[in-house]
Each structure stands twice: as structure tokens, then as C-alpha cells.
Amino acid sequence: MKKSVLILLVVAAAIAAFLGWRYWVQPANETTALTNQPILAVVMPDSSAVMLAGRVSAGGSEPVLMKKAGRVRSIYFATGDYVRRGAVLAKLNDYNFAVAPHDGFLGQLQIAVGQYVQPSTVVATISRRGTLLVAVAVPAGSPAHVQPGDSVQVWATARPTRVLTGVAVAISRQGDSLEIELPARAPLRLGEAASVLLKKR
């Protein structure tokens, strides 16, 4: 009888120790994991900053043309894809290919599987640049201040919880327009509205 009671006490103590370890160690691990995640925050301009509106682009676009005539066998991209120079966009039945002329974002697909194409047929458009740009109009008399090379905070106006850091790359002589460069993989879409936070003069 005494032996069975002793065994029960040992088992109970082991369970209590395990639960205590789970209570103290697991929250610490969760805290560490959360700390390592990217911080998402809404930027609230203060008295030392000014917020302007812009539009996401990639420096304009140009057509990608077929080089050979033939029937389209396969298509390897979708509208809006980011591609590297030389990436295969489409394959013909005779195994000729249409390839990306340079890094960039692809526009609307303009061919279909089974279509017969000519050397002048437009496969799609591709952006002139391989990085994203946010163009901002700076109103006359604005207190905004930025120089080429300055870091600038940017976010999609419709998704203000993901703040990105861009670099000012071009400012007009009159100071009435500004271009901010972002990485190609930034979570922004071509043509969408963006908000930009600049320091005051």
C-alpha cells in the first residue's frame, strides 16, 4: 500500500514539473519567435514629416515581339510576373522561343496556346526597368525635403500596415516631382496608389 502511494506521488511530481516547464519555457520561445518576425506598423506622420501620394510604376513599358513565325505550343508566364533577362516566355511547335529581353515586369498576355504568330506578333509588354518606382508630385511650397540617395518610407495606400524603405533616385530641377526606387520584389503592384513619408525642410 505504502509503495503504491509513493509511486503515485512520484508520478504526480513529474507531471507537475513538466507542466511548469511548459508554462515558463514555451511562452519564452513564442516571444523569441515573434521578436524575429518583421514589424508591421502604420506610419503616423508627426510635425516633422509630410505625407504625399504617388503611383507605382517601373519606368514605362515596351513590347516583346516574336522572332519567328509558328504556332504557340506553351506559355510560361502570367500578367504581372517579374522575369529575368533570357527567361523563356513562350515556345512554338518548332521549338523556337520568345524570351525576355531584360529584367522587368510583364504586362498583359497577348498570345494564346494554339495561335499562329508572326515575327512581329506582340507576346506581351515588359517594363523598361527591373525595379519598382514610385513617382510623387511635390506641390509648390511644400515643406517636404529629400535629396538623392535619402531613404524614404513608402507603403501601399490600401495596405498601410506594411511599410517599406525606398531610395530617392531622381528629383526634378524645379523640385516639383520625385522618383523613389524600391526592390523588384517589394509587395507593391504596378499602377496602385502609394503613400510616401518625407521629412520637412
C-alpha atoms as a PDB file:
ATOM      1  CA  MET A   1       0.000   0.000   0.000  1.00  0.00           C
ATOM      2  CA  LYS A   2       2.732   2.448   1.007  1.00  0.00           C
ATOM      3  CA  LYS A   3       4.727   1.575  -2.111  1.00  0.00           C
ATOM      4  CA  SER A   4       1.803   2.357  -4.449  1.00  0.00           C
ATOM      5  CA  VAL A   5       1.210   5.713  -2.703  1.00  0.00           C
ATOM      6  CA  LEU A   6       4.890   6.560  -3.110  1.00  0.00           C
ATOM      7  CA  ILE A   7       4.730   5.729  -6.843  1.00  0.00           C
ATOM      8  CA  LEU A   8       1.666   7.958  -7.248  1.00  0.00           C
ATOM      9  CA  LEU A   9       3.442  10.847  -5.513  1.00  0.00           C
ATOM     10  CA  VAL A  10       6.496  10.478  -7.783  1.00  0.00           C
ATOM     11  CA  VAL A  11       4.298  10.422 -10.913  1.00  0.00           C
ATOM     12  CA  ALA A  12       2.343  13.482  -9.713  1.00  0.00           C
ATOM     13  CA  ALA A  13       5.580  15.375  -9.034  1.00  0.00           C
ATOM     14  CA  ALA A  14       6.883  14.518 -12.526  1.00  0.00           C
ATOM     15  CA  ILE A  15       3.670  15.749 -14.169  1.00  0.00           C
ATOM     16  CA  ALA A  16       3.756  18.978 -12.145  1.00  0.00           C
ATOM     17  CA  ALA A  17       7.390  19.592 -13.150  1.00  0.00           C
ATOM     18  CA  PHE A  18       6.586  19.023 -16.846  1.00  0.00           C
ATOM     19  CA  LEU A  19       3.595  21.383 -16.778  1.00  0.00           C
ATOM     20  CA  GLY A  20       5.671  24.010 -15.025  1.00  0.00           C
ATOM     21  CA  TRP A  21       8.366  23.735 -17.682  1.00  0.00           C
ATOM     22  CA  ARG A  22       5.753  24.109 -20.441  1.00  0.00           C
ATOM     23  CA  TYR A  23       4.286  27.160 -18.698  1.00  0.00           C
ATOM     24  CA  TRP A  24       7.595  29.015 -18.330  1.00  0.00           C
ATOM     25  CA  VAL A  25       9.639  27.873 -21.370  1.00  0.00           C
ATOM     26  CA  GLN A  26       7.031  27.814 -24.149  1.00  0.00           C
ATOM     27  CA  PRO A  27       5.962  31.479 -23.750  1.00  0.00           C
ATOM     28  CA  ALA A  28       9.645  32.445 -23.855  1.00  0.00           C
ATOM     29  CA  ASN A  29      10.077  30.541 -27.132  1.00  0.00           C
ATOM     30  CA  GLU A  30       6.958  32.167 -28.586  1.00  0.00           C
ATOM     31  CA  THR A  31       8.249  35.591 -27.560  1.00  0.00           C
ATOM     32  CA  THR A  32      11.566  34.917 -29.321  1.00  0.00           C
ATOM     33  CA  ALA A  33       9.764  33.798 -32.498  1.00  0.00           C
ATOM     34  CA  LEU A  34       7.587  36.905 -32.530  1.00  0.00           C
ATOM     35  CA  THR A  35      10.611  39.125 -31.986  1.00  0.00           C
ATOM     36  CA  ASN A  36      12.270  37.667 -35.088  1.00  0.00           C
ATOM     37  CA  GLN A  37       9.270  38.428 -37.327  1.00  0.00           C
ATOM     38  CA  PRO A  38       9.170  41.671 -39.385  1.00  0.00           C
ATOM     39  CA  ILE A  39       7.446  44.509 -37.591  1.00  0.00           C
ATOM     40  CA  LEU A  40       4.314  45.785 -39.295  1.00  0.00           C
ATOM     41  CA  ALA A  41       3.216  49.251 -38.328  1.00  0.00           C
ATOM     42  CA  VAL A  42       1.083  52.082 -39.572  1.00  0.00           C
ATOM     43  CA  VAL A  43       3.120  55.237 -40.104  1.00  0.00           C
ATOM     44  CA  MET A  44       1.575  58.270 -38.456  1.00  0.00           C
ATOM     45  CA  PRO A  45       3.177  61.497 -39.728  1.00  0.00           C
ATOM     46  CA  ASP A  46       4.256  63.821 -36.926  1.00  0.00           C
ATOM     47  CA  SER A  47       5.035  67.535 -37.030  1.00  0.00           C
ATOM     48  CA  SER A  48       8.460  66.873 -38.604  1.00  0.00           C
ATOM     49  CA  ALA A  49       7.146  64.915 -41.613  1.00  0.00           C
ATOM     50  CA  VAL A  50       4.821  65.360 -44.567  1.00  0.00           C
ATOM     51  CA  MET A  51       2.904  62.630 -46.399  1.00  0.00           C
ATOM     52  CA  LEU A  52       2.458  62.701 -50.199  1.00  0.00           C
ATOM     53  CA  ALA A  53       0.649  60.439 -52.672  1.00  0.00           C
ATOM     54  CA  GLY A  54       2.266  58.651 -55.594  1.00  0.00           C
ATOM     55  CA  ARG A  55       1.785  55.849 -58.099  1.00  0.00           C
ATOM     56  CA  VAL A  56       3.764  52.606 -58.523  1.00  0.00           C
ATOM     57  CA  SER A  57       5.433  52.141 -61.926  1.00  0.00           C
ATOM     58  CA  ALA A  58       8.516  50.590 -63.498  1.00  0.00           C
ATOM     59  CA  GLY A  59       9.679  53.289 -65.888  1.00  0.00           C
ATOM     60  CA  GLY A  60       7.210  52.704 -68.724  1.00  0.00           C
ATOM     61  CA  SER A  61       6.956  49.653 -70.993  1.00  0.00           C
ATOM     62  CA  GLU A  62       7.981  48.276 -74.381  1.00  0.00           C
ATOM     63  CA  PRO A  63       6.703  45.338 -76.476  1.00  0.00           C
ATOM     64  CA  VAL A  64       8.248  41.866 -76.541  1.00  0.00           C
ATOM     65  CA  LEU A  65       7.998  40.545 -80.118  1.00  0.00           C
ATOM     66  CA  MET A  66       8.116  37.033 -81.529  1.00  0.00           C
ATOM     67  CA  LYS A  67      11.304  36.428 -83.557  1.00  0.00           C
ATOM     68  CA  LYS A  68       9.955  33.530 -85.654  1.00  0.00           C
ATOM     69  CA  ALA A  69       6.647  32.511 -87.197  1.00  0.00           C
ATOM     70  CA  GLY A  70       4.872  29.423 -85.901  1.00  0.00           C
ATOM     71  CA  ARG A  71       2.114  28.037 -83.692  1.00  0.00           C
ATOM     72  CA  VAL A  72       2.285  28.642 -79.945  1.00  0.00           C
ATOM     73  CA  ARG A  73       2.841  25.390 -78.067  1.00  0.00           C
ATOM     74  CA  SER A  74       3.334  26.610 -74.461  1.00  0.00           C
ATOM     75  CA  ILE A  75       3.222  29.851 -72.452  1.00  0.00           C
ATOM     76  CA  TYR A  76       5.332  30.203 -69.314  1.00  0.00           C
ATOM     77  CA  PHE A  77       4.266  33.472 -67.733  1.00  0.00           C
ATOM     78  CA  ALA A  78       1.264  35.393 -66.421  1.00  0.00           C
ATOM     79  CA  THR A  79       0.437  39.077 -66.473  1.00  0.00           C
ATOM     80  CA  GLY A  80       2.392  40.958 -63.808  1.00  0.00           C
ATOM     81  CA  ASP A  81       5.183  38.365 -63.438  1.00  0.00           C
ATOM     82  CA  TYR A  82       8.710  39.576 -62.740  1.00  0.00           C
ATOM     83  CA  VAL A  83      11.179  37.926 -65.119  1.00  0.00           C
ATOM     84  CA  ARG A  84      14.939  37.897 -65.620  1.00  0.00           C
ATOM     85  CA  ARG A  85      16.691  38.590 -68.908  1.00  0.00           C
ATOM     86  CA  GLY A  86      16.600  35.488 -71.106  1.00  0.00           C
ATOM     87  CA  ALA A  87      13.638  33.871 -69.325  1.00  0.00           C
ATOM     88  CA  VAL A  88      11.528  31.806 -71.760  1.00  0.00           C
ATOM     89  CA  LEU A  89       8.096  33.382 -72.159  1.00  0.00           C
ATOM     90  CA  ALA A  90       6.611  31.153 -74.857  1.00  0.00           C
ATOM     91  CA  LYS A  91       7.558  28.135 -77.001  1.00  0.00           C
ATOM     92  CA  LEU A  92       6.441  27.366 -80.565  1.00  0.00           C
ATOM     93  CA  ASN A  93       5.756  23.925 -82.047  1.00  0.00           C
ATOM     94  CA  ASP A  94       9.103  24.013 -83.879  1.00  0.00           C
ATOM     95  CA  TYR A  95      10.835  24.753 -80.538  1.00  0.00           C
ATOM     96  CA  ASN A  96      11.616  28.375 -81.267  1.00  0.00           C
ATOM     97  CA  PHE A  97      11.197  30.598 -78.207  1.00  0.00           C
ATOM     98  CA  ALA A  98      10.218  34.094 -77.142  1.00  0.00           C
ATOM     99  CA  VAL A  99      12.478  35.334 -74.334  1.00  0.00           C
ATOM    100  CA  ALA A 100      12.595  38.361 -72.034  1.00  0.00           C
ATOM    101  CA  PRO A 101      14.998  40.983 -73.459  1.00  0.00           C
ATOM    102  CA  HIS A 102      15.894  42.239 -69.973  1.00  0.00           C
ATOM    103  CA  ASP A 103      14.770  42.096 -66.340  1.00  0.00           C
ATOM    104  CA  GLY A 104      11.323  43.563 -65.800  1.00  0.00           C
ATOM    105  CA  PHE A 105       7.621  43.177 -65.112  1.00  0.00           C
ATOM    106  CA  LEU A 106       5.400  41.667 -67.791  1.00  0.00           C
ATOM    107  CA  GLY A 107       2.203  43.325 -68.940  1.00  0.00           C
ATOM    108  CA  GLN A 108      -0.966  41.839 -70.411  1.00  0.00           C
ATOM    109  CA  LEU A 109      -0.571  38.463 -72.166  1.00  0.00           C
ATOM    110  CA  GLN A 110      -1.339  38.988 -75.873  1.00  0.00           C
ATOM    111  CA  ILE A 111      -0.963  35.479 -77.304  1.00  0.00           C
ATOM    112  CA  ALA A 112      -2.718  32.153 -76.681  1.00  0.00           C
ATOM    113  CA  VAL A 113      -1.776  28.470 -76.942  1.00  0.00           C
ATOM    114  CA  GLY A 114      -2.568  27.233 -80.460  1.00  0.00           C
ATOM    115  CA  GLN A 115      -2.354  30.703 -82.016  1.00  0.00           C
ATOM    116  CA  TYR A 116      -0.283  31.121 -85.191  1.00  0.00           C
ATOM    117  CA  VAL A 117       2.121  34.043 -84.714  1.00  0.00           C
ATOM    118  CA  GLN A 118       4.355  36.106 -86.974  1.00  0.00           C
ATOM    119  CA  PRO A 119       7.782  37.611 -86.180  1.00  0.00           C
ATOM    120  CA  SER A 120       6.067  40.938 -85.443  1.00  0.00           C
ATOM    121  CA  THR A 121       3.422  39.495 -83.088  1.00  0.00           C
ATOM    122  CA  VAL A 122       3.470  41.093 -79.622  1.00  0.00           C
ATOM    123  CA  VAL A 123       3.834  38.467 -76.893  1.00  0.00           C
ATOM    124  CA  ALA A 124       3.387  40.959 -74.040  1.00  0.00           C
ATOM    125  CA  THR A 125       4.861  44.223 -72.822  1.00  0.00           C
ATOM    126  CA  ILE A 126       7.772  44.436 -70.399  1.00  0.00           C
ATOM    127  CA  SER A 127       8.669  47.314 -68.108  1.00  0.00           C
ATOM    128  CA  ARG A 128      11.682  49.390 -69.053  1.00  0.00           C
ATOM    129  CA  ARG A 129      13.164  48.921 -65.588  1.00  0.00           C
ATOM    130  CA  GLY A 130      13.693  45.863 -63.436  1.00  0.00           C
ATOM    131  CA  THR A 131      12.925  47.753 -60.225  1.00  0.00           C
ATOM    132  CA  LEU A 132       9.776  49.448 -58.961  1.00  0.00           C
ATOM    133  CA  LEU A 133       9.440  53.212 -58.898  1.00  0.00           C
ATOM    134  CA  VAL A 134       7.038  55.438 -57.021  1.00  0.00           C
ATOM    135  CA  ALA A 135       6.568  58.786 -58.725  1.00  0.00           C
ATOM    136  CA  VAL A 136       5.458  61.604 -56.432  1.00  0.00           C
ATOM    137  CA  ALA A 137       4.297  65.101 -57.343  1.00  0.00           C
ATOM    138  CA  VAL A 138       5.550  67.645 -54.802  1.00  0.00           C
ATOM    139  CA  PRO A 139       3.112  70.589 -54.533  1.00  0.00           C
ATOM    140  CA  ALA A 140       4.548  74.104 -54.881  1.00  0.00           C
ATOM    141  CA  GLY A 141       5.521  75.480 -51.483  1.00  0.00           C
ATOM    142  CA  SER A 142       5.505  72.008 -49.891  1.00  0.00           C
ATOM    143  CA  PRO A 143       7.723  71.701 -46.792  1.00  0.00           C
ATOM    144  CA  ALA A 144       8.874  68.248 -47.958  1.00  0.00           C
ATOM    145  CA  HIS A 145      12.647  67.814 -48.098  1.00  0.00           C
ATOM    146  CA  VAL A 146      14.636  64.997 -49.713  1.00  0.00           C
ATOM    147  CA  GLN A 147      17.941  64.569 -51.533  1.00  0.00           C
ATOM    148  CA  PRO A 148      19.043  61.823 -53.992  1.00  0.00           C
ATOM    149  CA  GLY A 149      20.183  58.804 -52.007  1.00  0.00           C
ATOM    150  CA  ASP A 150      17.951  59.569 -48.999  1.00  0.00           C
ATOM    151  CA  SER A 151      15.926  56.721 -47.505  1.00  0.00           C
ATOM    152  CA  VAL A 152      12.173  57.235 -47.805  1.00  0.00           C
ATOM    153  CA  GLN A 153       9.283  55.350 -46.216  1.00  0.00           C
ATOM    154  CA  VAL A 154       6.701  54.022 -48.682  1.00  0.00           C
ATOM    155  CA  TRP A 155       3.578  51.866 -48.371  1.00  0.00           C
ATOM    156  CA  ALA A 156       0.593  50.871 -50.487  1.00  0.00           C
ATOM    157  CA  THR A 157      -2.192  53.311 -49.640  1.00  0.00           C
ATOM    158  CA  ALA A 158      -4.699  50.450 -49.491  1.00  0.00           C
ATOM    159  CA  ARG A 159      -2.403  48.383 -47.221  1.00  0.00           C
ATOM    160  CA  PRO A 160      -0.846  50.802 -44.703  1.00  0.00           C
ATOM    161  CA  THR A 161       0.398  48.133 -42.301  1.00  0.00           C
ATOM    162  CA  ARG A 162       3.431  47.126 -44.447  1.00  0.00           C
ATOM    163  CA  VAL A 163       5.971  49.954 -44.502  1.00  0.00           C
ATOM    164  CA  LEU A 164       8.886  49.706 -46.954  1.00  0.00           C
ATOM    165  CA  THR A 165      12.119  51.645 -47.295  1.00  0.00           C
ATOM    166  CA  GLY A 166      12.894  53.122 -50.705  1.00  0.00           C
ATOM    167  CA  VAL A 167      15.681  55.355 -52.033  1.00  0.00           C
ATOM    168  CA  ALA A 168      15.183  58.727 -53.671  1.00  0.00           C
ATOM    169  CA  VAL A 169      16.808  58.420 -57.117  1.00  0.00           C
ATOM    170  CA  ALA A 170      15.589  61.398 -59.143  1.00  0.00           C
ATOM    171  CA  ILE A 171      14.349  64.877 -58.318  1.00  0.00           C
ATOM    172  CA  SER A 172      13.285  67.399 -60.952  1.00  0.00           C
ATOM    173  CA  ARG A 173      15.198  70.663 -61.199  1.00  0.00           C
ATOM    174  CA  GLN A 174      12.116  72.540 -60.132  1.00  0.00           C
ATOM    175  CA  GLY A 175      11.720  70.217 -57.151  1.00  0.00           C
ATOM    176  CA  ASP A 176       8.104  69.509 -58.109  1.00  0.00           C
ATOM    177  CA  SER A 177       8.498  65.761 -58.712  1.00  0.00           C
ATOM    178  CA  LEU A 178      10.386  62.894 -57.132  1.00  0.00           C
ATOM    179  CA  GLU A 179      11.086  59.249 -58.014  1.00  0.00           C
ATOM    180  CA  ILE A 180      11.682  56.645 -55.317  1.00  0.00           C
ATOM    181  CA  GLU A 181      13.216  53.264 -56.170  1.00  0.00           C
ATOM    182  CA  LEU A 182      12.112  50.061 -54.433  1.00  0.00           C
ATOM    183  CA  PRO A 183      13.343  46.461 -54.785  1.00  0.00           C
ATOM    184  CA  ALA A 184      11.767  44.448 -57.617  1.00  0.00           C
ATOM    185  CA  ARG A 185      10.252  42.026 -55.095  1.00  0.00           C
ATOM    186  CA  ALA A 186       8.622  44.735 -52.964  1.00  0.00           C
ATOM    187  CA  PRO A 187       4.973  43.788 -52.210  1.00  0.00           C
ATOM    188  CA  LEU A 188       3.506  46.523 -54.413  1.00  0.00           C
ATOM    189  CA  ARG A 189       1.569  46.225 -57.667  1.00  0.00           C
ATOM    190  CA  LEU A 190       2.144  48.242 -60.820  1.00  0.00           C
ATOM    191  CA  GLY A 191      -0.318  51.095 -61.083  1.00  0.00           C
ATOM    192  CA  GLU A 192      -1.517  51.078 -57.477  1.00  0.00           C
ATOM    193  CA  ALA A 193      -1.575  54.155 -55.259  1.00  0.00           C
ATOM    194  CA  ALA A 194       1.250  54.546 -52.767  1.00  0.00           C
ATOM    195  CA  SER A 195       1.883  56.871 -49.829  1.00  0.00           C
ATOM    196  CA  VAL A 196       5.296  58.435 -49.202  1.00  0.00           C
ATOM    197  CA  LEU A 197       6.603  59.978 -45.990  1.00  0.00           C
ATOM    198  CA  LEU A 198       9.163  62.787 -46.343  1.00  0.00           C
ATOM    199  CA  LYS A 199      10.939  64.967 -43.825  1.00  0.00           C
ATOM    200  CA  LYS A 200      10.100  68.639 -43.646  1.00  0.00           C
ATOM    201  CA  ARG A 201      12.688  71.245 -44.589  1.00  0.00           C
END
